[in-house]
Amino acid sequence: MSDALLEARGVSKLFGPVRALNDVALTIGPGVTGLLGPNGSGKSTLMKLFAGELLPDEGEVRLVGRDPFRDPDARRALGLCPEQDAFYEELSGYEFVEALTRLHGYSARQAQAQAADALKRVGMEIYGRKRIGEMSRGMRQR
């Protein structure tokens, strides 16, 4: 495998008799921010493989050169917006990001710094104190 951010080689995924992915070969480098395709084409399945949520039935996937299913450090390199949001709407954006960071094993102090930095990087530092339930869907995903 190369130094690509995301790489799939000969990846197939089956759900019972349905072959959701068939021998996918894909290399994604820096700068790619979206995956486009028609409904049912396997985009979500492929992203779940990269996120380590699913194992391929055939082939291999790599996230920053590592196996995302077996390497938690690799999974930290990927931010994934799920199709359905599942937020605690009473939390502020900052509190939510901080809690997720703590779940990834960071100390309270590290989580606070990481949350502030993450909100700044996506241009949301001024919205960090706003309750998630008051944000638009696009703002929640950001």
Foldseek 3Di string as FASTA:
>chain_A
DDQAQKWWAQFWADDVPDTLDGGDTDGHHPPDDDDDDDPSNNPVVSVCQQLLVDPTPDTAMDGSRHRNVPDVVSNVVDDDQDPDDDDPQQAFQLVRQLVVVVVSPDDSVVSNVVSCVVCVVVVNNVRRRPGNNPDDPVVNSD
